[in-house]
PDB file of N, CA and C in Angstrom:
ATOM      1  N   MET A   1     -12.261   5.870 -37.066  1.00  0.00           N
ATOM      2  CA  MET A   1     -11.222   6.581 -36.310  1.00  0.00           C
ATOM      3  C   MET A   1     -11.763   7.908 -35.769  1.00  0.00           C
ATOM      4  N   HIS A   2     -12.552   8.574 -36.588  1.00  0.00           N
ATOM      5  CA  HIS A   2     -13.130   9.852 -36.167  1.00  0.00           C
ATOM      6  C   HIS A   2     -14.088   9.654 -34.993  1.00  0.00           C
ATOM      7  N   ASP A   3     -14.861   8.569 -35.048  1.00  0.00           N
ATOM      8  CA  ASP A   3     -15.811   8.277 -33.971  1.00  0.00           C
ATOM      9  C   ASP A   3     -15.077   8.043 -32.651  1.00  0.00           C
ATOM     10  N   LYS A   4     -13.936   7.377 -32.740  1.00  0.00           N
ATOM     11  CA  LYS A   4     -13.148   7.092 -31.544  1.00  0.00           C
ATOM     12  C   LYS A   4     -12.663   8.393 -30.910  1.00  0.00           C
ATOM     13  N   LYS A   5     -12.218   9.306 -31.754  1.00  0.00           N
ATOM     14  CA  LYS A   5     -11.748  10.604 -31.276  1.00  0.00           C
ATOM     15  C   LYS A   5     -12.894  11.363 -30.619  1.00  0.00           C
ATOM     16  N   LEU A   6     -14.055  11.286 -31.244  1.00  0.00           N
ATOM     17  CA  LEU A   6     -15.233  11.981 -30.742  1.00  0.00           C
ATOM     18  C   LEU A   6     -15.640  11.439 -29.381  1.00  0.00           C
ATOM     19  N   SER A   7     -15.644  10.116 -29.244  1.00  0.00           N
ATOM     20  CA  SER A   7     -16.031   9.518 -27.963  1.00  0.00           C
ATOM     21  C   SER A   7     -15.000   9.832 -26.880  1.00  0.00           C
ATOM     22  N   ALA A   8     -13.742   9.925 -27.265  1.00  0.00           N
ATOM     23  CA  ALA A   8     -12.704  10.293 -26.302  1.00  0.00           C
ATOM     24  C   ALA A   8     -12.929  11.717 -25.802  1.00  0.00           C
ATOM     25  N   ALA A   9     -13.321  12.596 -26.704  1.00  0.00           N
ATOM     26  CA  ALA A   9     -13.624  13.976 -26.328  1.00  0.00           C
ATOM     27  C   ALA A   9     -14.840  14.024 -25.415  1.00  0.00           C
ATOM     28  N   LYS A  10     -15.813  13.168 -25.712  1.00  0.00           N
ATOM     29  CA  LYS A  10     -17.026  13.094 -24.898  1.00  0.00           C
ATOM     30  C   LYS A  10     -16.703  12.620 -23.485  1.00  0.00           C
ATOM     31  N   VAL A  11     -15.857  11.608 -23.398  1.00  0.00           N
ATOM     32  CA  VAL A  11     -15.444  11.079 -22.092  1.00  0.00           C
ATOM     33  C   VAL A  11     -14.711  12.164 -21.303  1.00  0.00           C
ATOM     34  N   LYS A  12     -13.814  12.859 -21.983  1.00  0.00           N
ATOM     35  CA  LYS A  12     -13.063  13.935 -21.340  1.00  0.00           C
ATOM     36  C   LYS A  12     -14.017  15.010 -20.828  1.00  0.00           C
ATOM     37  N   TYR A  13     -15.030  15.332 -21.631  1.00  0.00           N
ATOM     38  CA  TYR A  13     -16.028  16.328 -21.233  1.00  0.00           C
ATOM     39  C   TYR A  13     -16.768  15.885 -19.978  1.00  0.00           C
ATOM     40  N   VAL A  14     -17.209  14.623 -19.987  1.00  0.00           N
ATOM     41  CA  VAL A  14     -17.980  14.104 -18.853  1.00  0.00           C
ATOM     42  C   VAL A  14     -17.121  14.043 -17.591  1.00  0.00           C
ATOM     43  N   VAL A  15     -15.857  13.647 -17.765  1.00  0.00           N
ATOM     44  CA  VAL A  15     -14.974  13.455 -16.611  1.00  0.00           C
ATOM     45  C   VAL A  15     -14.469  14.785 -16.044  1.00  0.00           C
ATOM     46  N   ILE A  16     -14.229  15.764 -16.919  1.00  0.00           N
ATOM     47  CA  ILE A  16     -13.620  17.019 -16.477  1.00  0.00           C
ATOM     48  C   ILE A  16     -14.636  18.152 -16.350  1.00  0.00           C
ATOM     49  N   VAL A  17     -15.403  18.389 -17.404  1.00  0.00           N
ATOM     50  CA  VAL A  17     -16.245  19.587 -17.451  1.00  0.00           C
ATOM     51  C   VAL A  17     -17.438  19.493 -16.511  1.00  0.00           C
ATOM     52  N   LEU A  18     -18.106  18.341 -16.487  1.00  0.00           N
ATOM     53  CA  LEU A  18     -19.283  18.220 -15.631  1.00  0.00           C
ATOM     54  C   LEU A  18     -18.960  18.359 -14.146  1.00  0.00           C
ATOM     55  N   PRO A  19     -17.938  17.662 -13.623  1.00  0.00           N
ATOM     56  CA  PRO A  19     -17.590  17.879 -12.217  1.00  0.00           C
ATOM     57  C   PRO A  19     -17.166  19.320 -11.940  1.00  0.00           C
ATOM     58  N   LEU A  20     -16.497  19.932 -12.913  1.00  0.00           N
ATOM     59  CA  LEU A  20     -16.067  21.314 -12.761  1.00  0.00           C
ATOM     60  C   LEU A  20     -17.277  22.240 -12.656  1.00  0.00           C
ATOM     61  N   LYS A  21     -18.262  22.027 -13.532  1.00  0.00           N
ATOM     62  CA  LYS A  21     -19.492  22.821 -13.476  1.00  0.00           C
ATOM     63  C   LYS A  21     -20.198  22.628 -12.147  1.00  0.00           C
ATOM     64  N   ARG A  22     -20.232  21.397 -11.686  1.00  0.00           N
ATOM     65  CA  ARG A  22     -20.883  21.097 -10.418  1.00  0.00           C
ATOM     66  C   ARG A  22     -20.152  21.782  -9.266  1.00  0.00           C
ATOM     67  N   LEU A  23     -18.823  21.735  -9.326  1.00  0.00           N
ATOM     68  CA  LEU A  23     -18.003  22.384  -8.306  1.00  0.00           C
ATOM     69  C   LEU A  23     -18.260  23.887  -8.294  1.00  0.00           C
ATOM     70  N   ILE A  24     -18.326  24.483  -9.482  1.00  0.00           N
ATOM     71  CA  ILE A  24     -18.570  25.925  -9.590  1.00  0.00           C
ATOM     72  C   ILE A  24     -19.938  26.284  -9.015  1.00  0.00           C
ATOM     73  N   SER A  25     -20.957  25.507  -9.328  1.00  0.00           N
ATOM     74  CA  SER A  25     -22.291  25.800  -8.808  1.00  0.00           C
ATOM     75  C   SER A  25     -22.344  25.602  -7.298  1.00  0.00           C
ATOM     76  N   ASP A  26     -21.631  24.583  -6.795  1.00  0.00           N
ATOM     77  CA  ASP A  26     -21.554  24.367  -5.351  1.00  0.00           C
ATOM     78  C   ASP A  26     -20.862  25.550  -4.666  1.00  0.00           C
ATOM     79  N   MET A  27     -19.786  26.023  -5.259  1.00  0.00           N
ATOM     80  CA  MET A  27     -19.059  27.156  -4.698  1.00  0.00           C
ATOM     81  C   MET A  27     -19.927  28.406  -4.705  1.00  0.00           C
ATOM     82  N   THR A  28     -20.691  28.589  -5.783  1.00  0.00           N
ATOM     83  CA  THR A  28     -21.581  29.743  -5.890  1.00  0.00           C
ATOM     84  C   THR A  28     -22.638  29.698  -4.797  1.00  0.00           C
ATOM     85  N   CYS A  29     -23.251  28.529  -4.613  1.00  0.00           N
ATOM     86  CA  CYS A  29     -24.253  28.359  -3.558  1.00  0.00           C
ATOM     87  C   CYS A  29     -23.632  28.614  -2.193  1.00  0.00           C
ATOM     88  N   PHE A  30     -22.438  28.100  -1.987  1.00  0.00           N
ATOM     89  CA  PHE A  30     -21.731  28.275  -0.717  1.00  0.00           C
ATOM     90  C   PHE A  30     -21.457  29.756  -0.453  1.00  0.00           C
ATOM     91  N   ASN A  31     -21.007  30.468  -1.481  1.00  0.00           N
ATOM     92  CA  ASN A  31     -20.699  31.891  -1.334  1.00  0.00           C
ATOM     93  C   ASN A  31     -21.956  32.703  -1.047  1.00  0.00           C
ATOM     94  N   ILE A  32     -23.063  32.357  -1.712  1.00  0.00           N
ATOM     95  CA  ILE A  32     -24.334  33.044  -1.478  1.00  0.00           C
ATOM     96  C   ILE A  32     -24.790  32.810  -0.039  1.00  0.00           C
ATOM     97  N   THR A  33     -24.710  31.562   0.399  1.00  0.00           N
ATOM     98  CA  THR A  33     -25.113  31.217   1.769  1.00  0.00           C
ATOM     99  C   THR A  33     -24.248  31.964   2.779  1.00  0.00           C
ATOM    100  N   LYS A  34     -22.945  32.023   2.516  1.00  0.00           N
ATOM    101  CA  LYS A  34     -22.014  32.708   3.407  1.00  0.00           C
ATOM    102  C   LYS A  34     -22.337  34.205   3.458  1.00  0.00           C
ATOM    103  N   ALA A  35     -22.655  34.770   2.309  1.00  0.00           N
ATOM    104  CA  ALA A  35     -22.976  36.197   2.239  1.00  0.00           C
ATOM    105  C   ALA A  35     -24.256  36.501   3.021  1.00  0.00           C
ATOM    106  N   ILE A  36     -25.226  35.594   2.951  1.00  0.00           N
ATOM    107  CA  ILE A  36     -26.494  35.784   3.660  1.00  0.00           C
ATOM    108  C   ILE A  36     -26.293  35.680   5.169  1.00  0.00           C
ATOM    109  N   THR A  37     -25.485  34.716   5.600  1.00  0.00           N
ATOM    110  CA  THR A  37     -25.332  34.473   7.036  1.00  0.00           C
ATOM    111  C   THR A  37     -24.453  35.512   7.719  1.00  0.00           C
ATOM    112  N   GLN A  38     -23.626  36.224   6.977  1.00  0.00           N
ATOM    113  CA  GLN A  38     -22.734  37.204   7.609  1.00  0.00           C
ATOM    114  C   GLN A  38     -23.478  38.453   8.046  1.00  0.00           C
TER     115      GLN A  38
END
């Protein structure tokens, strides 16, 4: 039962946290590029 809970947390991490991190890094790159071009 504990393993099931752990894997559910892992799935949630992969589905939510990783795309969020990627989005944040993309936004950061976008903001840096925008700051340079202005």
